[in-house]
Amino acid sequence: MATGNVGVPGEPTQTGTALIETATGAVQGFAPINQIHQHLCAFHFYATDMSRQVEAHHFCSHQNEEMRQCLIYDSPESGAHLIGLEYIISENLFLTLPDNEKLLWHTHEYEVKSGISFMPGVPGAVQRRDLEKVCKTYGKTFHFWQVDKGDTLPLGLPQVMYAFTRDGQLDDNLVQGKWFDLNYSRCLVLILCNMDWIKHQGRSHILKRVQSKSSNNQEDKVYCPSTHQHRFQGTTHRLMKATFGYVEKRFGVSIAAERENRTYMTGPDHGVHPLANGSGKGLKTELRETDFPSTDTIPTVFV
């Protein structure tokens, strides 16, 4: 039976391929992956645009007591997209970095103490034992797949990502969720049945498109590359009702309760470094041309 990852173009995985995967999985070792011991849900924003915010599921392993490395997915489900990675280091290691390197790293104090970073399924008392350590750390994060734009493949340059540092920055709808009732008369919208893709497109992007068309009683189309199919959904009252985010409901957590329980935690012992978090400014990755040395000038070494 063929299977495929929803939202990703390409031929579905065939039965023969799946059988080979089963065989190799039975005989090969996956030591680096097997070291993953922790699932942490948090939120990132693009260092170039704080309004672009994504849910990030970290699957982490320890290198040692002062460094962790995490694979980042857009969900904890089996068909999740691998969208990035994060390195987490202690304050002591961070302070050894060159100043221009420090700009790439963000703090974790606010996201931990505020409760917006949590371990799904782990009792609060247990996860707090580890998060009080994370609260003092710094992280360096790159995302390679801009799922919030609806990209079906990892396009463009790696993006530097940051964590939130104070109240009012995180979109509450990512945490608590909100129902959007769009009441417009005489408006038809073509909506795809792939709700995961609609979530990835982003709440504000979808609503702006619908509102701009609806105000003129025009027809809008939301395109889903995973199915290439459309479905009419017209009504004179309720046009679309969808929810985005709602991690509290999905994972059974209370951000407010965790925030209260974490008031005792403290951030870096020397305070937040002024160069961390981009020194309060945005950062953008760019691709530049450079001179590439001729192979004739590179010495050849035979071993």
Protein backbone atom coordinates (compact mmCIF):
# COMPACT_ATOMS: atom_id res chain seq x y z
CA MET A 1 0.00 0.00 0.00
CA ALA A 2 1.33 3.43 -0.95
CA THR A 3 1.53 6.10 1.71
CA GLY A 4 2.49 9.76 1.57
CA ASN A 5 3.16 12.75 3.79
CA VAL A 6 0.24 15.14 3.46
CA GLY A 7 1.28 18.46 1.97
CA VAL A 8 4.55 17.22 0.46
CA PRO A 9 4.63 16.79 -3.35
CA GLY A 10 5.91 13.58 -4.85
CA GLU A 11 4.90 10.00 -5.46
CA PRO A 12 3.58 8.20 -2.36
CA THR A 13 5.90 5.72 -0.66
CA GLN A 14 5.40 2.35 -2.30
CA THR A 15 5.01 -0.96 -0.49
CA GLY A 16 8.39 -2.19 -1.71
CA THR A 17 10.12 0.88 -0.28
CA ALA A 18 8.33 0.43 3.03
CA LEU A 19 9.47 -3.20 3.20
CA ILE A 20 13.08 -2.17 2.62
CA GLU A 21 12.76 0.45 5.35
CA THR A 22 11.44 -2.19 7.72
CA ALA A 23 14.34 -4.49 6.92
CA THR A 24 17.05 -1.84 7.29
CA GLY A 25 15.40 -0.58 10.45
CA ALA A 26 15.67 -4.03 11.96
CA VAL A 27 19.39 -4.51 11.33
CA GLN A 28 20.89 -1.02 11.48
CA GLY A 29 21.69 1.02 14.55
CA PHE A 30 20.39 4.54 15.11
CA ALA A 31 22.51 5.56 18.06
CA PRO A 32 22.30 9.35 17.56
CA ILE A 33 18.52 9.26 17.19
CA ASN A 34 18.12 6.85 20.08
CA GLN A 35 19.81 9.40 22.35
CA ILE A 36 16.76 11.65 22.05
CA HIS A 37 15.13 11.62 25.46
CA GLN A 38 12.95 14.69 25.59
CA HIS A 39 10.08 16.36 23.73
CA LEU A 40 9.74 20.08 24.35
CA CYS A 41 7.03 22.25 22.81
CA ALA A 42 7.84 25.94 22.39
CA PHE A 43 7.32 28.82 19.97
CA HIS A 44 9.77 30.56 17.67
CA PHE A 45 9.62 33.71 15.59
CA TYR A 46 11.66 34.66 12.55
CA ALA A 47 14.56 36.95 13.40
CA THR A 48 13.49 39.14 10.47
CA ASP A 49 9.80 39.35 11.38
CA MET A 50 8.33 38.79 14.85
CA SER A 51 4.82 38.54 13.40
CA ARG A 52 5.79 35.24 11.79
CA GLN A 53 5.47 32.81 14.69
CA VAL A 54 5.50 29.02 14.61
CA GLU A 55 4.90 26.14 16.98
CA ALA A 56 8.13 24.19 17.37
CA HIS A 57 8.43 20.67 18.73
CA HIS A 58 11.96 19.97 19.96
CA PHE A 59 13.22 16.40 20.26
CA CYS A 60 16.43 16.73 22.24
CA SER A 61 19.45 14.77 23.39
CA HIS A 62 22.27 15.74 25.73
CA GLN A 63 25.84 16.01 24.49
CA ASN A 64 26.81 16.62 28.09
CA GLU A 65 25.52 18.60 31.06
CA GLU A 66 26.18 21.90 29.30
CA MET A 67 25.01 21.20 25.75
CA ARG A 68 21.92 19.75 24.11
CA GLN A 69 20.98 19.36 20.47
CA CYS A 70 17.41 19.24 19.22
CA LEU A 71 15.63 18.27 16.03
CA ILE A 72 12.64 20.55 15.46
CA TYR A 73 9.38 19.41 13.89
CA ASP A 74 6.20 21.34 13.20
CA SER A 75 4.13 18.81 15.14
CA PRO A 76 4.61 15.68 17.26
CA GLU A 77 2.72 13.48 14.78
CA SER A 78 4.27 10.74 12.65
CA GLY A 79 3.96 12.76 9.43
CA ALA A 80 5.55 15.91 10.90
CA HIS A 81 7.96 18.03 8.88
CA LEU A 82 11.54 18.36 10.07
CA ILE A 83 11.76 22.15 9.95
CA GLY A 84 14.92 23.00 11.85
CA LEU A 85 17.36 22.39 14.66
CA GLU A 86 18.49 24.06 17.85
CA TYR A 87 21.65 23.90 19.91
CA ILE A 88 21.29 24.70 23.60
CA ILE A 89 24.29 25.61 25.72
CA SER A 90 24.99 26.73 29.26
CA GLU A 91 25.71 30.32 30.20
CA ASN A 92 29.34 29.40 30.81
CA LEU A 93 29.77 28.16 27.25
CA PHE A 94 27.86 31.12 25.82
CA LEU A 95 30.23 33.57 27.50
CA THR A 96 33.18 31.98 25.66
CA LEU A 97 31.68 32.79 22.23
CA PRO A 98 32.96 35.67 20.06
CA ASP A 99 30.76 38.75 20.24
CA ASN A 100 29.54 38.47 16.64
CA GLU A 101 28.51 34.86 17.37
CA LYS A 102 26.54 35.82 20.49
CA LEU A 103 24.05 37.73 18.30
CA LEU A 104 22.78 34.45 16.85
CA TRP A 105 21.84 33.04 20.24
CA HIS A 106 18.65 33.68 22.21
CA THR A 107 17.74 33.33 25.85
CA HIS A 108 15.21 30.88 27.31
CA GLU A 109 14.41 32.65 30.57
CA TYR A 110 11.12 34.23 29.51
CA GLU A 111 9.70 31.29 27.58
CA VAL A 112 10.38 28.97 30.49
CA LYS A 113 9.17 31.22 33.31
CA SER A 114 6.09 32.30 31.34
CA GLY A 115 4.99 28.68 30.87
CA ILE A 116 4.88 28.79 27.05
CA SER A 117 7.63 26.17 26.87
CA PHE A 118 6.59 22.78 28.20
CA MET A 119 7.01 19.02 27.86
CA PRO A 120 3.79 17.42 26.59
CA GLY A 121 2.58 14.56 28.75
CA VAL A 122 5.14 15.08 31.51
CA PRO A 123 3.80 15.98 34.99
CA GLY A 124 4.51 19.58 35.89
CA ALA A 125 6.62 18.78 38.93
CA VAL A 126 8.86 16.50 36.85
CA GLN A 127 9.38 18.83 33.90
CA ARG A 128 10.10 21.79 36.16
CA ARG A 129 13.14 19.96 37.53
CA ASP A 130 14.73 20.15 34.09
CA LEU A 131 13.24 23.44 32.88
CA GLU A 132 14.82 25.29 35.78
CA LYS A 133 18.14 24.38 34.11
CA VAL A 134 16.91 25.34 30.63
CA CYS A 135 15.88 28.71 32.05
CA LYS A 136 19.54 29.64 32.39
CA THR A 137 20.62 28.53 28.91
CA TYR A 138 21.05 30.06 25.47
CA GLY A 139 19.88 28.57 22.18
CA LYS A 140 20.91 28.88 18.54
CA THR A 141 18.13 27.96 16.13
CA PHE A 142 17.80 27.69 12.37
CA HIS A 143 14.64 26.75 10.49
CA PHE A 144 14.99 25.33 6.99
CA TRP A 145 11.33 24.80 6.11
CA GLN A 146 8.97 27.79 6.18
CA VAL A 147 5.76 25.87 6.79
CA ASP A 148 4.00 29.02 7.99
CA LYS A 149 4.09 30.22 4.37
CA GLY A 150 2.61 26.97 3.13
CA ASP A 151 5.85 25.83 1.50
CA THR A 152 5.55 22.18 0.53
CA LEU A 153 9.33 21.79 0.33
CA PRO A 154 12.18 23.40 2.33
CA LEU A 155 12.77 26.45 0.15
CA GLY A 156 15.16 29.36 0.47
CA LEU A 157 17.94 30.07 2.93
CA PRO A 158 18.06 28.82 6.51
CA GLN A 159 16.35 31.32 8.79
CA VAL A 160 17.63 32.46 12.18
CA MET A 161 14.89 32.03 14.77
CA TYR A 162 14.46 33.59 18.18
CA ALA A 163 12.45 32.91 21.33
CA PHE A 164 10.16 35.40 23.02
CA THR A 165 11.54 37.63 25.75
CA ARG A 166 8.53 39.42 27.24
CA ASP A 167 4.74 39.52 27.49
CA GLY A 168 2.76 40.74 24.50
CA GLN A 169 5.02 39.26 21.84
CA LEU A 170 3.44 35.82 21.38
CA ASP A 171 0.17 35.63 19.49
CA ASP A 172 -2.32 34.30 22.06
CA ASN A 173 -4.16 32.40 19.35
CA LEU A 174 -1.20 30.04 19.00
CA VAL A 175 -1.63 29.06 22.64
CA GLN A 176 -5.31 29.36 23.49
CA GLY A 177 -6.88 29.15 20.05
CA LYS A 178 -9.78 31.21 18.80
CA TRP A 179 -12.78 30.54 16.61
CA PHE A 180 -13.07 32.77 13.58
CA ASP A 181 -16.56 33.30 12.24
CA LEU A 182 -16.50 35.16 8.97
CA ASN A 183 -20.00 36.40 8.25
CA TYR A 184 -20.22 37.71 4.73
CA SER A 185 -23.16 37.42 2.41
CA ARG A 186 -23.02 36.25 -1.18
CA CYS A 187 -19.44 35.12 -1.09
CA LEU A 188 -18.05 31.80 -2.24
CA VAL A 189 -14.69 30.55 -1.13
CA LEU A 190 -12.87 27.56 -2.53
CA ILE A 191 -11.45 25.75 0.48
CA LEU A 192 -9.35 22.65 0.39
CA CYS A 193 -10.02 19.76 2.68
CA ASN A 194 -6.43 19.71 3.95
CA MET A 195 -6.79 21.64 7.21
CA ASP A 196 -3.16 21.00 8.16
CA TRP A 197 -2.08 23.00 5.14
CA ILE A 198 -4.48 25.81 6.01
CA LYS A 199 -2.96 25.98 9.49
CA HIS A 200 0.49 26.20 7.96
CA GLN A 201 -0.61 29.03 5.72
CA GLY A 202 -1.20 31.07 8.82
CA ARG A 203 -4.28 32.61 10.37
CA SER A 204 -3.64 36.21 9.32
CA HIS A 205 -2.76 35.26 5.73
CA ILE A 206 -5.95 33.24 5.23
CA LEU A 207 -8.19 35.84 6.83
CA LYS A 208 -6.75 38.71 4.82
CA ARG A 209 -7.32 36.85 1.58
CA VAL A 210 -10.88 35.96 2.49
CA GLN A 211 -11.74 39.44 3.74
CA SER A 212 -10.29 41.23 0.73
CA LYS A 213 -12.34 39.12 -1.66
CA SER A 214 -15.45 38.98 0.47
CA SER A 215 -15.73 42.76 0.71
CA ASN A 216 -16.24 42.83 -3.06
CA ASN A 217 -18.48 39.76 -3.16
CA GLN A 218 -15.79 38.06 -5.19
CA GLU A 219 -14.61 34.50 -5.22
CA ASP A 220 -11.35 33.54 -3.62
CA LYS A 221 -9.39 30.34 -3.98
CA VAL A 222 -7.12 28.71 -1.41
CA TYR A 223 -4.88 26.26 -3.22
CA CYS A 224 -3.58 23.04 -1.72
CA PRO A 225 -0.66 21.50 -3.61
CA SER A 226 -1.03 18.18 -1.80
CA THR A 227 -4.32 17.22 -3.44
CA HIS A 228 -4.70 19.59 -6.40
CA GLN A 229 -8.41 19.40 -5.71
CA HIS A 230 -10.85 22.05 -4.62
CA ARG A 231 -14.19 22.00 -2.91
CA PHE A 232 -16.88 24.68 -2.96
CA GLN A 233 -18.18 25.80 0.37
CA GLY A 234 -20.70 28.60 0.07
CA THR A 235 -23.09 30.08 2.59
CA THR A 236 -24.88 33.35 3.18
CA HIS A 237 -24.05 33.40 6.87
CA ARG A 238 -21.03 31.52 8.08
CA LEU A 239 -18.25 31.38 5.57
CA MET A 240 -15.51 29.60 7.39
CA LYS A 241 -14.95 28.45 10.93
CA ALA A 242 -11.49 27.23 11.82
CA THR A 243 -9.23 27.18 14.80
CA PHE A 244 -5.47 27.66 14.81
CA GLY A 245 -3.01 26.86 17.52
CA TYR A 246 -4.85 25.88 20.72
CA VAL A 247 -1.89 24.00 22.19
CA GLU A 248 -3.43 24.20 25.65
CA LYS A 249 -6.40 22.13 24.53
CA ARG A 250 -4.36 19.72 22.44
CA PHE A 251 -1.82 18.91 25.11
CA GLY A 252 -3.92 19.44 28.22
CA VAL A 253 -1.70 22.12 29.72
CA SER A 254 -2.41 25.39 31.48
CA ILE A 255 0.12 28.07 30.57
CA ALA A 256 -1.13 30.32 33.37
CA ALA A 257 -0.81 27.59 35.99
CA GLU A 258 2.70 26.69 34.87
CA ARG A 259 3.67 30.34 34.91
CA GLU A 260 2.63 30.60 38.53
CA ASN A 261 4.46 27.41 39.44
CA ARG A 262 7.70 28.63 37.84
CA THR A 263 8.02 31.99 39.56
CA TYR A 264 10.92 30.66 41.65
CA MET A 265 13.07 30.01 38.57
CA THR A 266 15.90 32.32 37.59
CA GLY A 267 17.66 33.12 34.34
CA PRO A 268 21.38 33.31 33.60
CA ASP A 269 23.45 33.99 36.71
CA HIS A 270 25.08 37.02 35.07
CA GLY A 271 21.82 38.30 33.65
CA VAL A 272 20.77 38.27 30.00
CA HIS A 273 23.78 39.18 27.90
CA PRO A 274 23.22 42.43 25.92
CA LEU A 275 24.38 40.80 22.68
CA ALA A 276 21.97 37.86 22.95
CA ASN A 277 18.65 37.90 21.09
CA GLY A 278 20.29 39.83 18.26
CA SER A 279 21.00 42.68 20.68
CA GLY A 280 17.35 43.59 20.28
CA LYS A 281 17.56 43.87 16.50
CA GLY A 282 16.51 41.62 13.66
CA LEU A 283 18.88 39.35 11.77
CA LYS A 284 18.59 38.18 8.18
CA THR A 285 20.51 35.44 6.40
CA GLU A 286 21.70 36.37 2.93
CA LEU A 287 23.39 34.54 0.07
CA ARG A 288 26.41 36.36 -1.34
CA GLU A 289 28.75 35.54 -4.18
CA THR A 290 32.40 35.10 -3.28
CA ASP A 291 35.59 34.24 -5.07
CA PHE A 292 36.18 30.50 -5.12
CA PRO A 293 39.86 29.53 -5.22
CA SER A 294 41.01 27.55 -8.22
CA THR A 295 41.70 23.91 -7.51
CA ASP A 296 45.13 24.46 -9.05
CA THR A 297 46.10 26.59 -6.06
CA ILE A 298 45.01 24.05 -3.46
CA PRO A 299 47.91 21.79 -2.40
CA THR A 300 47.34 18.08 -2.83
CA VAL A 301 48.18 15.90 0.12
CA PHE A 302 48.56 12.15 -0.23
CA VAL A 303 48.13 10.04 2.90
